[in-house]
Each structure stands twice: as C-alpha cells, then as structure tokens.
Protein backbone atom coordinates (compact mmCIF):
# COMPACT_ATOMS: atom_id res chain seq x y z
CA UNK A 1 41.82 -71.13 12.16
CA UNK A 2 38.22 -70.42 13.07
CA UNK A 3 35.70 -69.43 10.41
CA UNK A 4 35.38 -65.73 9.63
CA UNK A 5 32.78 -63.88 7.58
CA UNK A 6 34.51 -60.48 7.32
CA UNK A 7 38.11 -59.63 6.42
CA UNK A 8 38.93 -56.03 7.34
CA UNK A 9 42.02 -54.88 5.44
CA UNK A 10 44.21 -51.92 6.20
CA UNK A 11 45.26 -50.28 2.95
CA UNK A 12 48.68 -48.61 3.09
CA UNK A 13 51.57 -51.10 3.18
CA UNK A 14 49.08 -53.95 3.50
CA UNK A 15 47.40 -53.86 0.07
CA UNK A 16 48.83 -50.74 -1.54
CA UNK A 17 52.54 -50.00 -1.38
CA UNK A 18 52.56 -46.63 0.34
CA UNK A 19 56.33 -46.58 0.88
CA UNK A 20 56.93 -46.66 -2.87
CA UNK A 21 54.10 -44.28 -3.76
CA UNK A 22 54.97 -41.75 -1.07
CA UNK A 23 58.63 -41.65 -2.09
CA UNK A 24 57.69 -40.93 -5.71
CA UNK A 25 55.02 -38.39 -4.74
CA UNK A 26 57.33 -36.55 -2.36
CA UNK A 27 60.11 -36.12 -4.93
CA UNK A 28 57.64 -35.12 -7.63
CA UNK A 29 55.90 -32.54 -5.46
CA UNK A 30 59.12 -31.00 -4.09
CA UNK A 31 60.50 -30.66 -7.61
CA UNK A 32 57.22 -29.04 -8.67
CA UNK A 33 57.66 -26.49 -5.88
CA UNK A 34 61.18 -25.70 -7.09
CA UNK A 35 63.22 -27.01 -4.17
CA UNK A 36 66.90 -27.55 -4.84
CA UNK A 37 68.16 -31.13 -4.78
CA UNK A 38 69.96 -30.58 -1.46
CA UNK A 39 66.63 -29.58 0.10
CA UNK A 40 64.85 -32.77 -1.00
CA UNK A 41 65.38 -35.39 1.69
CA UNK A 42 62.63 -38.02 1.91
CA UNK A 43 64.08 -39.65 5.03
CA UNK A 44 63.96 -36.32 6.86
CA UNK A 45 60.40 -35.70 5.70
CA UNK A 46 59.35 -39.19 6.76
CA UNK A 47 60.61 -38.62 10.31
CA UNK A 48 58.31 -35.63 10.72
CA UNK A 49 55.45 -37.25 8.83
CA UNK A 50 55.56 -40.24 11.19
CA UNK A 51 55.50 -37.96 14.25
CA UNK A 52 52.51 -36.01 12.96
CA UNK A 53 50.57 -39.16 12.00
CA UNK A 54 51.20 -40.55 15.50
CA UNK A 55 49.71 -37.36 16.93
CA UNK A 56 46.70 -37.78 14.65
CA UNK A 57 46.17 -41.42 15.62
CA UNK A 58 46.32 -40.50 19.31
CA UNK A 59 43.72 -37.78 18.78
CA UNK A 60 45.97 -34.87 19.79
CA UNK A 61 45.67 -33.15 16.39
CA UNK A 62 43.04 -33.30 13.66
CA UNK A 63 43.51 -34.09 9.98
CA UNK A 64 43.38 -30.43 8.94
CA UNK A 65 46.34 -29.71 11.19
CA UNK A 66 48.19 -32.82 10.02
CA UNK A 67 48.23 -31.83 6.35
CA UNK A 68 50.48 -28.72 6.48
CA UNK A 69 52.22 -29.46 9.81
CA UNK A 70 54.33 -32.31 8.44
CA UNK A 71 55.65 -30.07 5.67
CA UNK A 72 56.21 -27.11 7.98
CA UNK A 73 58.33 -29.33 10.24
CA UNK A 74 60.22 -30.64 7.22
CA UNK A 75 60.86 -27.18 5.77
CA UNK A 76 62.09 -25.99 9.17
CA UNK A 77 64.46 -28.97 9.36
CA UNK A 78 66.04 -28.36 5.93
CA UNK A 79 66.00 -24.59 6.19
CA UNK A 80 63.58 -24.00 3.32
CA UNK A 81 61.51 -20.82 3.66
CA UNK A 82 60.13 -20.15 0.17
CA UNK A 83 57.24 -22.65 -0.03
CA UNK A 84 53.88 -22.64 1.73
CA UNK A 85 53.31 -25.91 3.63
CA UNK A 86 49.69 -25.92 2.43
CA UNK A 87 50.85 -25.79 -1.19
CA UNK A 88 53.34 -28.57 -0.48
CA UNK A 89 50.60 -30.75 0.97
CA UNK A 90 48.34 -30.11 -2.01
CA UNK A 91 51.08 -30.98 -4.50
CA UNK A 92 52.08 -34.10 -2.57
CA UNK A 93 48.53 -35.45 -2.44
CA UNK A 94 48.02 -34.77 -6.14
CA UNK A 95 51.20 -36.69 -6.95
CA UNK A 96 50.25 -39.50 -4.57
CA UNK A 97 47.12 -40.29 -6.59
CA UNK A 98 49.34 -40.77 -9.65
CA UNK A 99 51.17 -43.68 -8.00
CA UNK A 100 48.66 -46.45 -7.18
CA UNK A 101 51.45 -48.92 -6.40
CA UNK A 102 50.39 -52.30 -5.02
CA UNK A 103 52.10 -54.70 -2.62
CA UNK A 104 53.40 -57.90 -4.17
CA UNK A 105 50.62 -60.51 -4.50
CA UNK A 106 47.92 -58.07 -3.31
CA UNK A 107 45.80 -58.56 -6.43
CA UNK A 108 46.16 -62.33 -6.07
CA UNK A 109 45.03 -62.08 -2.47
CA UNK A 110 41.95 -60.02 -3.23
CA UNK A 111 40.93 -62.30 -6.08
CA UNK A 112 41.40 -65.28 -3.79
CA UNK A 113 39.31 -64.02 -0.86
CA UNK A 114 36.58 -62.05 -2.65
CA UNK A 115 34.41 -65.11 -3.48
CA UNK A 116 34.60 -66.43 0.09
CA UNK A 117 34.32 -63.43 2.43
CA UNK A 118 32.80 -60.01 2.86
CA UNK A 119 35.61 -57.47 2.58
CA UNK A 120 36.15 -54.20 4.40
CA UNK A 121 38.80 -51.55 3.76
CA UNK A 122 39.74 -49.66 6.94
CA UNK A 123 42.20 -46.83 6.41
CA UNK A 124 43.57 -43.79 8.20
CA UNK A 125 44.21 -42.01 4.92
CA UNK A 126 43.09 -38.55 3.86
CA UNK A 127 39.82 -38.11 2.03
CA UNK A 128 41.33 -36.32 -1.00
CA UNK A 129 43.39 -39.34 -1.94
CA UNK A 130 42.21 -42.63 -0.49
CA UNK A 131 39.17 -43.35 -2.64
CA UNK A 132 40.85 -41.99 -5.82
CA UNK A 133 43.90 -44.22 -5.11
CA UNK A 134 41.69 -47.27 -4.65
CA UNK A 135 39.96 -46.53 -7.94
CA UNK A 136 43.26 -45.90 -9.72
CA UNK A 137 44.51 -49.28 -8.49
CA UNK A 138 41.22 -50.86 -9.66
CA UNK A 139 40.47 -52.40 -6.25
CA UNK A 140 37.64 -50.12 -5.08
CA UNK A 141 34.88 -52.51 -6.08
CA UNK A 142 36.35 -55.44 -4.16
CA UNK A 143 35.06 -54.00 -0.89
CA UNK A 144 31.63 -54.19 0.70
CA UNK A 145 32.57 -51.48 3.21
CA UNK A 146 35.18 -48.69 2.97
CA UNK A 147 35.86 -46.47 5.99
CA UNK A 148 38.28 -43.54 5.62
CA UNK A 149 39.23 -41.92 8.93
CA UNK A 150 39.29 -38.40 7.54
CA UNK A 151 35.67 -38.74 6.43
CA UNK A 152 34.33 -39.71 9.86
CA UNK A 153 36.45 -37.74 12.34
CA UNK A 154 37.96 -40.79 14.04
CA UNK A 155 41.16 -42.71 13.30
CA UNK A 156 42.47 -46.16 14.11
CA UNK A 157 43.14 -47.22 16.87
CA UNK A 158 40.40 -45.06 18.42
CA UNK A 159 37.26 -46.82 19.58
CA UNK A 160 35.08 -44.39 17.64
CA UNK A 161 36.66 -45.52 14.40
CA UNK A 162 35.87 -49.18 15.00
CA UNK A 163 32.38 -48.30 16.23
CA UNK A 164 31.79 -46.75 12.82
CA UNK A 165 33.25 -49.74 10.99
CA UNK A 166 31.02 -52.22 12.80
CA UNK A 167 27.97 -50.04 12.16
CA UNK A 168 28.79 -49.95 8.45
CA UNK A 169 29.02 -53.75 8.56
CA UNK A 170 25.44 -53.92 9.82
CA UNK A 171 26.46 -54.54 13.44
CA UNK A 172 28.17 -57.77 12.46
CA UNK A 173 29.29 -60.28 15.07
CA UNK A 174 32.78 -59.25 16.23
CA UNK A 175 33.81 -62.89 16.50
CA UNK A 176 33.22 -63.31 12.77
CA UNK A 177 35.54 -60.46 11.71
CA UNK A 178 39.32 -60.17 11.58
CA UNK A 179 41.55 -57.13 11.01
CA UNK A 180 44.57 -57.48 8.70
CA UNK A 181 47.23 -54.79 8.78
CA UNK A 182 50.87 -53.80 9.10
CA UNK A 183 50.66 -51.11 11.78
CA UNK A 184 51.20 -52.39 15.30
CA UNK A 185 49.55 -49.29 16.75
CA UNK A 186 46.64 -48.41 14.49
CA UNK A 187 45.71 -51.88 13.21
CA UNK A 188 46.79 -54.42 15.81
CA UNK A 189 46.37 -52.38 18.98
CA UNK A 190 43.09 -51.00 17.64
CA UNK A 191 41.74 -54.47 16.88
CA UNK A 192 42.83 -56.00 20.18
CA UNK A 193 41.42 -53.15 22.24
CA UNK A 194 38.10 -53.47 20.41
CA UNK A 195 37.89 -57.24 20.86
CA UNK A 196 38.63 -58.16 17.26
CA UNK A 197 40.98 -60.90 16.06
CA UNK A 198 43.86 -59.63 13.94
CA UNK A 199 46.65 -60.63 11.57
CA UNK A 200 49.84 -58.61 11.82
CA UNK A 201 51.70 -58.25 8.52
CA UNK A 202 55.24 -58.01 9.86
CA UNK A 203 57.81 -58.41 7.07
CA UNK A 204 60.66 -56.98 9.16
CA UNK A 205 60.13 -59.32 12.13
CA UNK A 206 59.64 -56.45 14.54
CA UNK A 207 58.76 -57.03 18.18
CA UNK A 208 55.06 -57.03 19.03
CA UNK A 209 56.01 -55.32 22.30
CA UNK A 210 53.27 -56.00 24.85
CA UNK A 211 50.64 -56.87 22.23
CA UNK A 212 49.60 -60.36 21.17
CA UNK A 213 48.29 -60.50 17.59
CA UNK A 214 46.02 -63.44 16.89
CA UNK A 215 48.18 -64.33 13.89
CA UNK A 216 51.37 -63.01 12.33
CA UNK A 217 52.69 -63.28 8.76
CA UNK A 218 55.72 -61.94 6.94
CA UNK A 219 54.19 -61.39 3.50
CA UNK A 220 50.95 -60.80 1.64
CA UNK A 221 51.49 -64.13 -0.08
CA UNK A 222 51.17 -65.92 3.26
CA UNK A 223 47.69 -64.45 3.65
CA UNK A 224 46.58 -66.33 0.53
CA UNK A 225 47.47 -69.64 2.19
CA UNK A 226 45.84 -68.53 5.44
CA UNK A 227 42.45 -67.64 3.96
C-alpha cells in the first residue's frame, strides 16, 4: 500500500453502527407518537428511507424535503393518518442522538490511526444529529476535519461535496488521501469519480458492479491491519 497522509472516514455503518441506532430510534419515536404495534414496521420504513436518501444523494431533493418525506411515505404504506410526518422526523432524530452505537473495533481503529494520520469525517447525515452523535460517542475530537452534507448543501457522491472536503483539508494532495466507507454509491463512487483512492467496507460480499475500489475489506478490524 502506498503512503497516505489523510484517512477520510464515512460515519454511518463504517464507524458508528447506524443500523442498530436507527432501529432503536425508529421504535422509540413511533411509540412516542402513539402508533399501534401493527403500525410499527421498521423494514417498511427502511424501504422508503432508502429511496428518499437515494434521491437526496442524486440531488433530486434537498434535505428539508427528505426529513418528512420518508415518514409520509411510510405512513401512507401502513395506513397511518394521525401523525404529522414532521413530528415523526423530529422525534426520530431526537431518539437517534440517544443511541451512539459504534461498529465493532471502531474505537480500536481510531486509536490505532490517530497518531499516524490526519483524519477526516465525511458524512451525509443531517445537521441536527451528526455532530451530537459524534460527541455522544466520544469520537468528535479524533477528527481534523468534519464535513456534514446538510451543513454545506452538497452530498456524497456529488463533486461539490468533495470540493468542500478538499478545501477544508487545505487543498491537500489527492494522491495522499483515501476514502473509507461502506456505501458503494456515496463513498466509493464518489471517491472514484473525484480521483481519490478508496477502501470499500463490504461485510456482505456484495458485487462492486462496474466500480473498482482501490481496496476492499469485510470488517473494521481488517482496517487496523491495513493502516
């Protein structure tokens, strides 16, 4: 492996366990809103959430639209008409902050690489929750640069997002930086299109389709050996 100066980490499902946190936050927020058990279906919600986030990453909707739209689609799907999607989004984000779950070995990884590299955190998360979640997990201060898509008006894999990241890094040499993330679209496609090396965290051995990540690992623990 060539020598890098910057490691640019995705957050959700790379360092922090978003699957676990989102499941807990969804159930907590729906119960808070008074939904009956038969109306609480995380798998159904996740289908619509994924669709809406894909629209956001492609630039077809903005983050303000994303917030309530995912819950409106979910409520329509389960036939729930009593709750306001905006209230559902608020409750969900408040619950999400309460669950700063980490991926296995993520703390070990950060402690391992911090003395040797400059670290960036590049995330498509929403501004109400991403920085509070990082602080709750006690990893905020590991990073030299933190870029939250909702704060800048661009999202991975858009070029404007990576333009902002590189500017925050002091116009660092692209050849000295590497992106590490689990999303084939936002992290890996974004990095490749921008001319950055990348590590795809791929625990499920999915197909890379027509993309060619620089490196591929199955677990966070493997990243410790790599760097």
